[in-house]
Amino acid sequence: LRTARSMLTDDGFILLTRTQPVRHALER
Protein backbone atom coordinates (compact mmCIF):
# COMPACT_ATOMS: atom_id res chain seq x y z
CA LEU A 1 0.00 0.00 0.00
CA ARG A 2 2.87 2.40 0.63
CA THR A 3 4.13 1.76 -2.88
CA ALA A 4 0.64 2.23 -4.31
CA ARG A 5 0.22 5.46 -2.33
CA SER A 6 3.44 6.82 -3.84
CA MET A 7 2.02 6.17 -7.32
CA LEU A 8 -1.19 8.17 -6.82
CA THR A 9 -1.83 11.52 -8.44
CA ASP A 10 -2.63 14.45 -6.13
CA ASP A 11 -6.38 13.74 -6.14
CA GLY A 12 -6.09 9.98 -6.62
CA PHE A 13 -7.39 7.20 -4.40
CA ILE A 14 -7.05 3.48 -3.83
CA LEU A 15 -10.11 1.24 -4.04
CA LEU A 16 -9.52 -1.86 -1.93
CA THR A 17 -11.97 -4.69 -1.29
CA ARG A 18 -11.57 -7.48 1.23
CA THR A 19 -13.71 -10.37 2.43
CA GLN A 20 -15.48 -9.59 5.70
CA PRO A 21 -13.21 -11.28 8.31
CA VAL A 22 -16.23 -12.56 10.21
CA ARG A 23 -17.00 -14.77 7.22
CA HIS A 24 -13.80 -16.80 7.50
CA ALA A 25 -14.12 -16.96 11.28
CA LEU A 26 -17.70 -18.25 11.14
CA GLU A 27 -16.82 -20.85 8.52
CA ARG A 28 -13.94 -22.13 10.65
PDB file of all heavy atoms in Angstrom:
ATOM      1  N   LEU A   1       0.819  -1.212   0.000  1.00  0.00           N
ATOM      2  CA  LEU A   1       0.000   0.000   0.000  1.00  0.00           C
ATOM      3  C   LEU A   1       0.853   1.262   0.000  1.00  0.00           C
ATOM      4  O   LEU A   1       0.470   2.276  -0.601  1.00  0.00           O
ATOM      5  CB  LEU A   1      -0.944  -0.005   1.201  1.00  0.00           C
ATOM      6  CG  LEU A   1      -2.124  -0.965   1.112  1.00  0.00           C
ATOM      7  CD1 LEU A   1      -2.970  -0.879   2.372  1.00  0.00           C
ATOM      8  CD2 LEU A   1      -2.985  -0.681  -0.117  1.00  0.00           C
ATOM      9  N   ARG A   2       1.983   1.229   0.661  1.00  0.00           N
ATOM     10  CA  ARG A   2       2.871   2.397   0.625  1.00  0.00           C
ATOM     11  C   ARG A   2       3.353   2.664  -0.801  1.00  0.00           C
ATOM     12  O   ARG A   2       3.423   3.816  -1.250  1.00  0.00           O
ATOM     13  CB  ARG A   2       4.062   2.178   1.561  1.00  0.00           C
ATOM     14  CG  ARG A   2       3.742   2.379   3.034  1.00  0.00           C
ATOM     15  CD  ARG A   2       4.946   2.071   3.901  1.00  0.00           C
ATOM     16  NE  ARG A   2       4.681   2.351   5.308  1.00  0.00           N
ATOM     17  CZ  ARG A   2       5.435   1.912   6.306  1.00  0.00           C
ATOM     18  NH1 ARG A   2       6.510   1.172   6.044  1.00  0.00           N
ATOM     19  NH2 ARG A   2       5.118   2.202   7.556  1.00  0.00           N
ATOM     20  N   THR A   3       3.709   1.600  -1.491  1.00  0.00           N
ATOM     21  CA  THR A   3       4.133   1.762  -2.882  1.00  0.00           C
ATOM     22  C   THR A   3       2.992   2.304  -3.726  1.00  0.00           C
ATOM     23  O   THR A   3       3.186   3.222  -4.540  1.00  0.00           O
ATOM     24  CB  THR A   3       4.621   0.424  -3.453  1.00  0.00           C
ATOM     25  OG1 THR A   3       5.726  -0.052  -2.674  1.00  0.00           O
ATOM     26  CG2 THR A   3       5.057   0.570  -4.898  1.00  0.00           C
ATOM     27  N   ALA A   4       1.798   1.748  -3.551  1.00  0.00           N
ATOM     28  CA  ALA A   4       0.637   2.231  -4.310  1.00  0.00           C
ATOM     29  C   ALA A   4       0.363   3.700  -3.995  1.00  0.00           C
ATOM     30  O   ALA A   4       0.077   4.495  -4.899  1.00  0.00           O
ATOM     31  CB  ALA A   4      -0.573   1.374  -3.986  1.00  0.00           C
ATOM     32  N   ARG A   5       0.444   4.067  -2.725  1.00  0.00           N
ATOM     33  CA  ARG A   5       0.219   5.463  -2.333  1.00  0.00           C
ATOM     34  C   ARG A   5       1.186   6.393  -3.054  1.00  0.00           C
ATOM     35  O   ARG A   5       0.808   7.482  -3.502  1.00  0.00           O
ATOM     36  CB  ARG A   5       0.389   5.604  -0.823  1.00  0.00           C
ATOM     37  CG  ARG A   5       0.078   7.003  -0.276  1.00  0.00           C
ATOM     38  CD  ARG A   5       0.601   7.157   1.141  1.00  0.00           C
ATOM     39  NE  ARG A   5       2.057   7.099   1.169  1.00  0.00           N
ATOM     40  CZ  ARG A   5       2.777   6.989   2.266  1.00  0.00           C
ATOM     41  NH1 ARG A   5       2.203   6.892   3.439  1.00  0.00           N
ATOM     42  NH2 ARG A   5       4.096   6.944   2.198  1.00  0.00           N
ATOM     43  N   SER A   6       2.434   5.977  -3.184  1.00  0.00           N
ATOM     44  CA  SER A   6       3.441   6.816  -3.842  1.00  0.00           C
ATOM     45  C   SER A   6       3.169   6.978  -5.334  1.00  0.00           C
ATOM     46  O   SER A   6       3.730   7.886  -5.974  1.00  0.00           O
ATOM     47  CB  SER A   6       4.843   6.221  -3.638  1.00  0.00           C
ATOM     48  OG  SER A   6       5.022   5.038  -4.409  1.00  0.00           O
ATOM     49  N   MET A   7       2.318   6.127  -5.897  1.00  0.00           N
ATOM     50  CA  MET A   7       2.020   6.169  -7.324  1.00  0.00           C
ATOM     51  C   MET A   7       0.722   6.911  -7.637  1.00  0.00           C
ATOM     52  O   MET A   7       0.318   6.987  -8.796  1.00  0.00           O
ATOM     53  CB  MET A   7       1.957   4.740  -7.876  1.00  0.00           C
ATOM     54  CG  MET A   7       3.251   3.964  -7.686  1.00  0.00           C
ATOM     55  SD  MET A   7       3.108   2.206  -8.093  1.00  0.00           S
ATOM     56  CE  MET A   7       3.094   2.300  -9.877  1.00  0.00           C
ATOM     57  N   LEU A   8       0.064   7.451  -6.609  1.00  0.00           N
ATOM     58  CA  LEU A   8      -1.192   8.167  -6.823  1.00  0.00           C
ATOM     59  C   LEU A   8      -0.939   9.603  -7.269  1.00  0.00           C
ATOM     60  O   LEU A   8      -0.006  10.260  -6.831  1.00  0.00           O
ATOM     61  CB  LEU A   8      -2.004   8.199  -5.527  1.00  0.00           C
ATOM     62  CG  LEU A   8      -2.729   6.927  -5.104  1.00  0.00           C
ATOM     63  CD1 LEU A   8      -3.310   7.101  -3.705  1.00  0.00           C
ATOM     64  CD2 LEU A   8      -3.834   6.554  -6.096  1.00  0.00           C
ATOM     65  N   THR A   9      -1.823  10.099  -8.117  1.00  0.00           N
ATOM     66  CA  THR A   9      -1.831  11.518  -8.440  1.00  0.00           C
ATOM     67  C   THR A   9      -2.349  12.296  -7.232  1.00  0.00           C
ATOM     68  O   THR A   9      -2.831  11.708  -6.256  1.00  0.00           O
ATOM     69  CB  THR A   9      -2.735  11.792  -9.651  1.00  0.00           C
ATOM     70  OG1 THR A   9      -4.060  11.319  -9.355  1.00  0.00           O
ATOM     71  CG2 THR A   9      -2.219  11.087 -10.897  1.00  0.00           C
ATOM     72  N   ASP A  10      -2.273  13.619  -7.290  1.00  0.00           N
ATOM     73  CA  ASP A  10      -2.632  14.445  -6.135  1.00  0.00           C
ATOM     74  C   ASP A  10      -4.052  14.187  -5.635  1.00  0.00           C
ATOM     75  O   ASP A  10      -4.307  14.208  -4.427  1.00  0.00           O
ATOM     76  CB  ASP A  10      -2.479  15.929  -6.481  1.00  0.00           C
ATOM     77  CG  ASP A  10      -1.021  16.345  -6.569  1.00  0.00           C
ATOM     78  OD1 ASP A  10      -0.166  15.578  -6.088  1.00  0.00           O
ATOM     79  OD2 ASP A  10      -0.744  17.423  -7.132  1.00  0.00           O
ATOM     80  N   ASP A  11      -4.988  13.965  -6.548  1.00  0.00           N
ATOM     81  CA  ASP A  11      -6.376  13.738  -6.144  1.00  0.00           C
ATOM     82  C   ASP A  11      -6.780  12.278  -6.315  1.00  0.00           C
ATOM     83  O   ASP A  11      -7.962  11.959  -6.387  1.00  0.00           O
ATOM     84  CB  ASP A  11      -7.313  14.643  -6.954  1.00  0.00           C
ATOM     85  CG  ASP A  11      -8.702  14.730  -6.315  1.00  0.00           C
ATOM     86  OD1 ASP A  11      -8.783  14.757  -5.068  1.00  0.00           O
ATOM     87  OD2 ASP A  11      -9.700  14.738  -7.069  1.00  0.00           O
ATOM     88  N   GLY A  12      -5.788  11.392  -6.376  1.00  0.00           N
ATOM     89  CA  GLY A  12      -6.088   9.980  -6.616  1.00  0.00           C
ATOM     90  C   GLY A  12      -6.503   9.242  -5.362  1.00  0.00           C
ATOM     91  O   GLY A  12      -6.329   9.726  -4.240  1.00  0.00           O
ATOM     92  N   PHE A  13      -7.065   8.058  -5.545  1.00  0.00           N
ATOM     93  CA  PHE A  13      -7.389   7.205  -4.402  1.00  0.00           C
ATOM     94  C   PHE A  13      -7.220   5.740  -4.756  1.00  0.00           C
ATOM     95  O   PHE A  13      -7.154   5.359  -5.935  1.00  0.00           O
ATOM     96  CB  PHE A  13      -8.794   7.484  -3.849  1.00  0.00           C
ATOM     97  CG  PHE A  13      -9.945   7.179  -4.771  1.00  0.00           C
ATOM     98  CD1 PHE A  13     -10.361   5.872  -5.029  1.00  0.00           C
ATOM     99  CD2 PHE A  13     -10.661   8.219  -5.361  1.00  0.00           C
ATOM    100  CE1 PHE A  13     -11.449   5.601  -5.849  1.00  0.00           C
ATOM    101  CE2 PHE A  13     -11.748   7.963  -6.195  1.00  0.00           C
ATOM    102  CZ  PHE A  13     -12.138   6.647  -6.432  1.00  0.00           C
ATOM    103  N   ILE A  14      -7.137   4.928  -3.721  1.00  0.00           N
ATOM    104  CA  ILE A  14      -7.048   3.477  -3.834  1.00  0.00           C
ATOM    105  C   ILE A  14      -8.414   2.889  -3.506  1.00  0.00           C
ATOM    106  O   ILE A  14      -9.021   3.263  -2.496  1.00  0.00           O
ATOM    107  CB  ILE A  14      -5.995   2.912  -2.865  1.00  0.00           C
ATOM    108  CG1 ILE A  14      -4.594   3.402  -3.247  1.00  0.00           C
ATOM    109  CG2 ILE A  14      -6.029   1.379  -2.833  1.00  0.00           C
ATOM    110  CD1 ILE A  14      -3.526   3.106  -2.201  1.00  0.00           C
ATOM    111  N   LEU A  15      -8.898   1.989  -4.340  1.00  0.00           N
ATOM    112  CA  LEU A  15     -10.114   1.238  -4.037  1.00  0.00           C
ATOM    113  C   LEU A  15      -9.703  -0.180  -3.683  1.00  0.00           C
ATOM    114  O   LEU A  15      -9.141  -0.904  -4.518  1.00  0.00           O
ATOM    115  CB  LEU A  15     -11.069   1.235  -5.230  1.00  0.00           C
ATOM    116  CG  LEU A  15     -12.365   0.438  -5.037  1.00  0.00           C
ATOM    117  CD1 LEU A  15     -13.164   0.975  -3.856  1.00  0.00           C
ATOM    118  CD2 LEU A  15     -13.210   0.457  -6.302  1.00  0.00           C
ATOM    119  N   LEU A  16      -9.948  -0.559  -2.440  1.00  0.00           N
ATOM    120  CA  LEU A  16      -9.516  -1.862  -1.934  1.00  0.00           C
ATOM    121  C   LEU A  16     -10.714  -2.612  -1.390  1.00  0.00           C
ATOM    122  O   LEU A  16     -11.504  -2.066  -0.619  1.00  0.00           O
ATOM    123  CB  LEU A  16      -8.463  -1.666  -0.843  1.00  0.00           C
ATOM    124  CG  LEU A  16      -7.798  -2.906  -0.248  1.00  0.00           C
ATOM    125  CD1 LEU A  16      -6.365  -2.583   0.169  1.00  0.00           C
ATOM    126  CD2 LEU A  16      -8.558  -3.459   0.941  1.00  0.00           C
ATOM    127  N   THR A  17     -10.871  -3.863  -1.805  1.00  0.00           N
ATOM    128  CA  THR A  17     -11.966  -4.691  -1.294  1.00  0.00           C
ATOM    129  C   THR A  17     -11.389  -5.937  -0.630  1.00  0.00           C
ATOM    130  O   THR A  17     -10.363  -6.469  -1.049  1.00  0.00           O
ATOM    131  CB  THR A  17     -12.939  -5.103  -2.425  1.00  0.00           C
ATOM    132  OG1 THR A  17     -12.303  -6.037  -3.314  1.00  0.00           O
ATOM    133  CG2 THR A  17     -13.389  -3.894  -3.227  1.00  0.00           C
ATOM    134  N   ARG A  18     -12.072  -6.365   0.410  1.00  0.00           N
ATOM    135  CA  ARG A  18     -11.572  -7.478   1.230  1.00  0.00           C
ATOM    136  C   ARG A  18     -12.766  -8.243   1.775  1.00  0.00           C
ATOM    137  O   ARG A  18     -13.788  -7.648   2.152  1.00  0.00           O
ATOM    138  CB  ARG A  18     -10.734  -6.916   2.387  1.00  0.00           C
ATOM    139  CG  ARG A  18      -9.814  -7.926   3.062  1.00  0.00           C
ATOM    140  CD  ARG A  18      -8.539  -8.118   2.270  1.00  0.00           C
ATOM    141  NE  ARG A  18      -7.488  -8.750   3.071  1.00  0.00           N
ATOM    142  CZ  ARG A  18      -7.185 -10.050   3.041  1.00  0.00           C
ATOM    143  NH1 ARG A  18      -7.874 -10.875   2.293  1.00  0.00           N
ATOM    144  NH2 ARG A  18      -6.190 -10.514   3.765  1.00  0.00           N
ATOM    145  N   THR A  19     -12.653  -9.551   1.839  1.00  0.00           N
ATOM    146  CA  THR A  19     -13.707 -10.366   2.427  1.00  0.00           C
ATOM    147  C   THR A  19     -13.912  -9.991   3.893  1.00  0.00           C
ATOM    148  O   THR A  19     -12.941  -9.786   4.629  1.00  0.00           O
ATOM    149  CB  THR A  19     -13.349 -11.859   2.323  1.00  0.00           C
ATOM    150  OG1 THR A  19     -13.184 -12.200   0.944  1.00  0.00           O
ATOM    151  CG2 THR A  19     -14.438 -12.729   2.926  1.00  0.00           C
ATOM    152  N   GLN A  20     -15.165  -9.873   4.298  1.00  0.00           N
ATOM    153  CA  GLN A  20     -15.480  -9.590   5.702  1.00  0.00           C
ATOM    154  C   GLN A  20     -14.813 -10.662   6.580  1.00  0.00           C
ATOM    155  O   GLN A  20     -15.029 -11.861   6.389  1.00  0.00           O
ATOM    156  CB  GLN A  20     -16.993  -9.608   5.863  1.00  0.00           C
ATOM    157  CG  GLN A  20     -17.532  -9.731   7.265  1.00  0.00           C
ATOM    158  CD  GLN A  20     -17.144  -8.567   8.148  1.00  0.00           C
ATOM    159  OE1 GLN A  20     -16.290  -8.741   8.998  1.00  0.00           O
ATOM    160  NE2 GLN A  20     -17.790  -7.433   7.963  1.00  0.00           N
ATOM    161  N   PRO A  21     -13.938 -10.286   7.527  1.00  0.00           N
ATOM    162  CA  PRO A  21     -13.205 -11.284   8.314  1.00  0.00           C
ATOM    163  C   PRO A  21     -14.108 -12.196   9.142  1.00  0.00           C
ATOM    164  O   PRO A  21     -13.722 -13.323   9.467  1.00  0.00           O
ATOM    165  CB  PRO A  21     -12.293 -10.446   9.207  1.00  0.00           C
ATOM    166  CG  PRO A  21     -12.889  -9.083   9.224  1.00  0.00           C
ATOM    167  CD  PRO A  21     -13.547  -8.911   7.898  1.00  0.00           C
ATOM    168  N   VAL A  22     -15.300 -11.716   9.471  1.00  0.00           N
ATOM    169  CA  VAL A  22     -16.235 -12.564  10.207  1.00  0.00           C
ATOM    170  C   VAL A  22     -16.606 -13.794   9.388  1.00  0.00           C
ATOM    171  O   VAL A  22     -16.845 -14.875   9.937  1.00  0.00           O
ATOM    172  CB  VAL A  22     -17.484 -11.767  10.604  1.00  0.00           C
ATOM    173  CG1 VAL A  22     -18.569 -12.674  11.159  1.00  0.00           C
ATOM    174  CG2 VAL A  22     -17.129 -10.701  11.637  1.00  0.00           C
ATOM    175  N   ARG A  23     -16.629 -13.634   8.065  1.00  0.00           N
ATOM    176  CA  ARG A  23     -17.003 -14.772   7.221  1.00  0.00           C
ATOM    177  C   ARG A  23     -16.068 -15.958   7.443  1.00  0.00           C
ATOM    178  O   ARG A  23     -16.521 -17.087   7.681  1.00  0.00           O
ATOM    179  CB  ARG A  23     -16.987 -14.372   5.748  1.00  0.00           C
ATOM    180  CG  ARG A  23     -17.164 -15.583   4.829  1.00  0.00           C
ATOM    181  CD  ARG A  23     -17.259 -15.264   3.379  1.00  0.00           C
ATOM    182  NE  ARG A  23     -17.501 -16.502   2.630  1.00  0.00           N
ATOM    183  CZ  ARG A  23     -17.933 -16.536   1.391  1.00  0.00           C
ATOM    184  NH1 ARG A  23     -18.196 -15.420   0.750  1.00  0.00           N
ATOM    185  NH2 ARG A  23     -18.122 -17.688   0.782  1.00  0.00           N
ATOM    186  N   HIS A  24     -14.768 -15.704   7.320  1.00  0.00           N
ATOM    187  CA  HIS A  24     -13.802 -16.800   7.503  1.00  0.00           C
ATOM    188  C   HIS A  24     -13.886 -17.369   8.916  1.00  0.00           C
ATOM    189  O   HIS A  24     -13.787 -18.584   9.116  1.00  0.00           O
ATOM    190  CB  HIS A  24     -12.383 -16.302   7.229  1.00  0.00           C
ATOM    191  CG  HIS A  24     -12.118 -15.950   5.802  1.00  0.00           C
ATOM    192  ND1 HIS A  24     -12.459 -16.774   4.751  1.00  0.00           N
ATOM    193  CD2 HIS A  24     -11.534 -14.853   5.246  1.00  0.00           C
ATOM    194  CE1 HIS A  24     -12.097 -16.210   3.619  1.00  0.00           C
ATOM    195  NE2 HIS A  24     -11.542 -15.053   3.886  1.00  0.00           N
ATOM    196  N   ALA A  25     -14.065 -16.504   9.893  1.00  0.00           N
ATOM    197  CA  ALA A  25     -14.125 -16.962  11.281  1.00  0.00           C
ATOM    198  C   ALA A  25     -15.347 -17.850  11.507  1.00  0.00           C
ATOM    199  O   ALA A  25     -15.261 -18.886  12.187  1.00  0.00           O
ATOM    200  CB  ALA A  25     -14.164 -15.761  12.225  1.00  0.00           C
ATOM    201  N   LEU A  26     -16.485 -17.455  10.960  1.00  0.00           N
ATOM    202  CA  LEU A  26     -17.698 -18.247  11.138  1.00  0.00           C
ATOM    203  C   LEU A  26     -17.580 -19.592  10.436  1.00  0.00           C
ATOM    204  O   LEU A  26     -17.977 -20.629  10.984  1.00  0.00           O
ATOM    205  CB  LEU A  26     -18.906 -17.476  10.598  1.00  0.00           C
ATOM    206  CG  LEU A  26     -20.271 -18.153  10.730  1.00  0.00           C
ATOM    207  CD1 LEU A  26     -20.536 -18.555  12.174  1.00  0.00           C
ATOM    208  CD2 LEU A  26     -21.368 -17.233  10.213  1.00  0.00           C
ATOM    209  N   GLU A  27     -17.015 -19.586   9.236  1.00  0.00           N
ATOM    210  CA  GLU A  27     -16.820 -20.850   8.523  1.00  0.00           C
ATOM    211  C   GLU A  27     -15.926 -21.799   9.318  1.00  0.00           C
ATOM    212  O   GLU A  27     -16.213 -22.996   9.422  1.00  0.00           O
ATOM    213  CB  GLU A  27     -16.217 -20.578   7.147  1.00  0.00           C
ATOM    214  CG  GLU A  27     -17.172 -19.941   6.167  1.00  0.00           C
ATOM    215  CD  GLU A  27     -16.511 -19.579   4.856  1.00  0.00           C
ATOM    216  OE1 GLU A  27     -15.274 -19.330   4.852  1.00  0.00           O
ATOM    217  OE2 GLU A  27     -17.216 -19.529   3.843  1.00  0.00           O
ATOM    218  N   ARG A  28     -14.843 -21.273   9.879  1.00  0.00           N
ATOM    219  CA  ARG A  28     -13.938 -22.126  10.653  1.00  0.00           C
ATOM    220  C   ARG A  28     -14.600 -22.608  11.946  1.00  0.00           C
ATOM    221  O   ARG A  28     -14.385 -23.744  12.379  1.00  0.00           O
ATOM    222  CB  ARG A  28     -12.639 -21.377  10.970  1.00  0.00           C
ATOM    223  CG  ARG A  28     -11.821 -21.035   9.752  1.00  0.00           C
ATOM    224  CD  ARG A  28     -10.390 -20.640  10.115  1.00  0.00           C
ATOM    225  NE  ARG A  28     -10.326 -19.590  11.107  1.00  0.00           N
ATOM    226  CZ  ARG A  28     -10.419 -18.290  10.855  1.00  0.00           C
ATOM    227  NH1 ARG A  28     -10.625 -17.880   9.609  1.00  0.00           N
ATOM    228  NH2 ARG A  28     -10.321 -17.394  11.812  1.00  0.00           N
TER     229      ARG A  28
END
